[in-house]
Amino acid sequence: MAGMHTSNGHLVSGLAHIQQSIRDILTTPIGTRVMRREYGSLLPELIDQPLNDTTLLQAYAASVMAITRWEPRVRVLRVNRQVDASQHGRAMLEIDAQTHDGQRFHVEVPFT
């Protein structure tokens, strides 16, 4: 499957297309896509919540549920967080996944 790169309009395919798709799914609030109101994830609703264990668990669950529903080409292996100690309240979700043909890859999505 191929598509268009979100920032430059060039053709994107393979793992790059899957990574872009996952970022799009996780950063799109549910209810904001015309003609596809269920598309997206609950992750944007968690932004500005306290960065504690409860919020992180909700972020992990929201990520896995959305990817499982909207990106059938992959299986999520692990979701983790990376916190930049120099910038309080800023974090990235690190998602390790695998395509159905066995290719492993990594995606980082901002969660601030």
C-alpha atoms as a PDB file:
ATOM      1  CA  MET A   1       0.000   0.000   0.000  1.00  0.00           C
ATOM      2  CA  ALA A   2       1.240   3.488  -0.801  1.00  0.00           C
ATOM      3  CA  GLY A   3       0.116   6.983   0.042  1.00  0.00           C
ATOM      4  CA  MET A   4       1.177  10.602   0.133  1.00  0.00           C
ATOM      5  CA  HIS A   5       3.717  11.967   2.600  1.00  0.00           C
ATOM      6  CA  THR A   6       1.969  14.421   4.927  1.00  0.00           C
ATOM      7  CA  SER A   7       4.618  17.133   4.794  1.00  0.00           C
ATOM      8  CA  ASN A   8       6.018  17.068   1.250  1.00  0.00           C
ATOM      9  CA  GLY A   9       3.391  15.328  -0.905  1.00  0.00           C
ATOM     10  CA  HIS A  10       5.800  12.705  -2.208  1.00  0.00           C
ATOM     11  CA  LEU A  11       4.928   9.031  -2.530  1.00  0.00           C
ATOM     12  CA  VAL A  12       5.417   7.039   0.660  1.00  0.00           C
ATOM     13  CA  SER A  13       5.117   3.260   0.968  1.00  0.00           C
ATOM     14  CA  GLY A  14       6.206   0.288   3.053  1.00  0.00           C
ATOM     15  CA  LEU A  15       7.192   0.824   6.661  1.00  0.00           C
ATOM     16  CA  ALA A  16       7.331   4.601   6.205  1.00  0.00           C
ATOM     17  CA  HIS A  17       3.663   4.583   5.194  1.00  0.00           C
ATOM     18  CA  ILE A  18       2.722   2.411   8.172  1.00  0.00           C
ATOM     19  CA  GLN A  19       4.628   4.670  10.583  1.00  0.00           C
ATOM     20  CA  GLN A  20       2.934   7.754   9.147  1.00  0.00           C
ATOM     21  CA  SER A  21      -0.439   6.025   9.417  1.00  0.00           C
ATOM     22  CA  ILE A  22       0.116   5.163  13.082  1.00  0.00           C
ATOM     23  CA  ARG A  23       1.121   8.741  13.899  1.00  0.00           C
ATOM     24  CA  ASP A  24      -1.994  10.000  12.110  1.00  0.00           C
ATOM     25  CA  ILE A  25      -4.273   7.549  13.919  1.00  0.00           C
ATOM     26  CA  LEU A  26      -2.901   8.402  17.353  1.00  0.00           C
ATOM     27  CA  THR A  27      -2.889  12.181  16.912  1.00  0.00           C
ATOM     28  CA  THR A  28      -6.385  12.428  15.411  1.00  0.00           C
ATOM     29  CA  PRO A  29      -9.109  13.013  18.017  1.00  0.00           C
ATOM     30  CA  ILE A  30     -12.126  10.744  17.614  1.00  0.00           C
ATOM     31  CA  GLY A  31     -15.024  12.622  16.034  1.00  0.00           C
ATOM     32  CA  THR A  32     -12.969  15.075  13.984  1.00  0.00           C
ATOM     33  CA  ARG A  33     -12.840  13.299  10.615  1.00  0.00           C
ATOM     34  CA  VAL A  34     -15.737  14.128   8.302  1.00  0.00           C
ATOM     35  CA  MET A  35     -17.435  10.958   6.968  1.00  0.00           C
ATOM     36  CA  ARG A  36     -15.296   8.875   9.327  1.00  0.00           C
ATOM     37  CA  ARG A  37     -16.241  10.103  12.795  1.00  0.00           C
ATOM     38  CA  GLU A  38     -14.969   6.993  14.625  1.00  0.00           C
ATOM     39  CA  TYR A  39     -11.437   7.288  13.179  1.00  0.00           C
ATOM     40  CA  GLY A  40      -8.627   8.282  15.521  1.00  0.00           C
ATOM     41  CA  SER A  41      -7.768   7.613  19.127  1.00  0.00           C
ATOM     42  CA  LEU A  42      -8.513   8.774  22.651  1.00  0.00           C
ATOM     43  CA  LEU A  43      -4.874   9.836  23.089  1.00  0.00           C
ATOM     44  CA  PRO A  44      -5.510  13.547  22.346  1.00  0.00           C
ATOM     45  CA  GLU A  45      -8.046  13.619  25.207  1.00  0.00           C
ATOM     46  CA  LEU A  46      -5.270  12.689  27.635  1.00  0.00           C
ATOM     47  CA  ILE A  47      -3.070  15.647  26.746  1.00  0.00           C
ATOM     48  CA  ASP A  48      -2.690  18.079  29.652  1.00  0.00           C
ATOM     49  CA  GLN A  49      -3.580  15.373  32.167  1.00  0.00           C
ATOM     50  CA  PRO A  50      -1.085  14.768  34.994  1.00  0.00           C
ATOM     51  CA  LEU A  51       1.790  12.648  33.715  1.00  0.00           C
ATOM     52  CA  ASN A  52       1.305   9.907  36.288  1.00  0.00           C
ATOM     53  CA  ASP A  53       0.947   6.117  36.140  1.00  0.00           C
ATOM     54  CA  THR A  54      -2.827   6.248  35.618  1.00  0.00           C
ATOM     55  CA  THR A  55      -2.588   8.591  32.646  1.00  0.00           C
ATOM     56  CA  LEU A  56       0.243   6.568  31.134  1.00  0.00           C
ATOM     57  CA  LEU A  57      -1.738   3.346  31.419  1.00  0.00           C
ATOM     58  CA  GLN A  58      -4.692   5.059  29.705  1.00  0.00           C
ATOM     59  CA  ALA A  59      -2.346   6.337  26.968  1.00  0.00           C
ATOM     60  CA  TYR A  60      -0.932   2.848  26.380  1.00  0.00           C
ATOM     61  CA  ALA A  61      -4.412   1.325  26.191  1.00  0.00           C
ATOM     62  CA  ALA A  62      -5.746   4.076  23.899  1.00  0.00           C
ATOM     63  CA  SER A  63      -2.762   3.597  21.581  1.00  0.00           C
ATOM     64  CA  VAL A  64      -3.047  -0.173  21.310  1.00  0.00           C
ATOM     65  CA  MET A  65      -6.830  -0.085  20.835  1.00  0.00           C
ATOM     66  CA  ALA A  66      -6.635   2.539  18.074  1.00  0.00           C
ATOM     67  CA  ILE A  67      -3.768   0.872  16.219  1.00  0.00           C
ATOM     68  CA  THR A  68      -5.470  -2.511  16.437  1.00  0.00           C
ATOM     69  CA  ARG A  69      -8.680  -1.076  15.017  1.00  0.00           C
ATOM     70  CA  TRP A  70      -7.333   1.224  12.296  1.00  0.00           C
ATOM     71  CA  GLU A  71      -4.038  -0.293  11.160  1.00  0.00           C
ATOM     72  CA  PRO A  72      -4.641  -3.946  10.222  1.00  0.00           C
ATOM     73  CA  ARG A  73      -1.150  -4.345   8.713  1.00  0.00           C
ATOM     74  CA  VAL A  74       0.566  -4.488  12.108  1.00  0.00           C
ATOM     75  CA  ARG A  75       0.618  -6.026  15.544  1.00  0.00           C
ATOM     76  CA  VAL A  76       1.711  -3.895  18.511  1.00  0.00           C
ATOM     77  CA  LEU A  77       4.490  -5.515  20.512  1.00  0.00           C
ATOM     78  CA  ARG A  78       5.203  -2.835  23.115  1.00  0.00           C
ATOM     79  CA  VAL A  79       4.263   0.700  24.088  1.00  0.00           C
ATOM     80  CA  ASN A  80       6.572   2.664  26.333  1.00  0.00           C
ATOM     81  CA  ARG A  81       7.228   6.272  27.196  1.00  0.00           C
ATOM     82  CA  GLN A  82      10.299   8.425  26.867  1.00  0.00           C
ATOM     83  CA  VAL A  83      10.405  11.520  29.058  1.00  0.00           C
ATOM     84  CA  ASP A  84      12.747  14.413  28.351  1.00  0.00           C
ATOM     85  CA  ALA A  85      13.941  15.488  31.799  1.00  0.00           C
ATOM     86  CA  SER A  86      14.917  18.920  30.497  1.00  0.00           C
ATOM     87  CA  GLN A  87      11.330  19.714  29.456  1.00  0.00           C
ATOM     88  CA  HIS A  88       8.804  19.142  32.226  1.00  0.00           C
ATOM     89  CA  GLY A  89       5.521  17.594  31.133  1.00  0.00           C
ATOM     90  CA  ARG A  90       6.801  16.497  27.704  1.00  0.00           C
ATOM     91  CA  ALA A  91       6.868  12.857  26.737  1.00  0.00           C
ATOM     92  CA  MET A  92       6.944  10.630  23.667  1.00  0.00           C
ATOM     93  CA  LEU A  93       5.213   7.309  23.267  1.00  0.00           C
ATOM     94  CA  GLU A  94       7.501   4.690  21.770  1.00  0.00           C
ATOM     95  CA  ILE A  95       5.644   1.984  19.908  1.00  0.00           C
ATOM     96  CA  ASP A  96       7.339  -1.207  18.820  1.00  0.00           C
ATOM     97  CA  ALA A  97       5.304  -3.147  16.288  1.00  0.00           C
ATOM     98  CA  GLN A  98       5.605  -5.856  13.686  1.00  0.00           C
ATOM     99  CA  THR A  99       4.047  -6.293  10.277  1.00  0.00           C
ATOM    100  CA  HIS A 100       2.296  -9.565   9.522  1.00  0.00           C
ATOM    101  CA  ASP A 101       5.266 -10.631   7.388  1.00  0.00           C
ATOM    102  CA  GLY A 102       7.625 -10.239  10.365  1.00  0.00           C
ATOM    103  CA  GLN A 103       9.217  -6.803   9.838  1.00  0.00           C
ATOM    104  CA  ARG A 104       9.753  -5.046  13.157  1.00  0.00           C
ATOM    105  CA  PHE A 105       9.712  -1.268  13.382  1.00  0.00           C
ATOM    106  CA  HIS A 106       9.567   1.605  15.845  1.00  0.00           C
ATOM    107  CA  VAL A 107       7.323   4.695  15.896  1.00  0.00           C
ATOM    108  CA  GLU A 108       7.543   7.701  18.198  1.00  0.00           C
ATOM    109  CA  VAL A 109       4.444   9.818  18.822  1.00  0.00           C
ATOM    110  CA  PRO A 110       4.461  13.012  20.910  1.00  0.00           C
ATOM    111  CA  PHE A 111       2.389  12.819  24.063  1.00  0.00           C
ATOM    112  CA  THR A 112       2.513  16.136  25.832  1.00  0.00           C
END
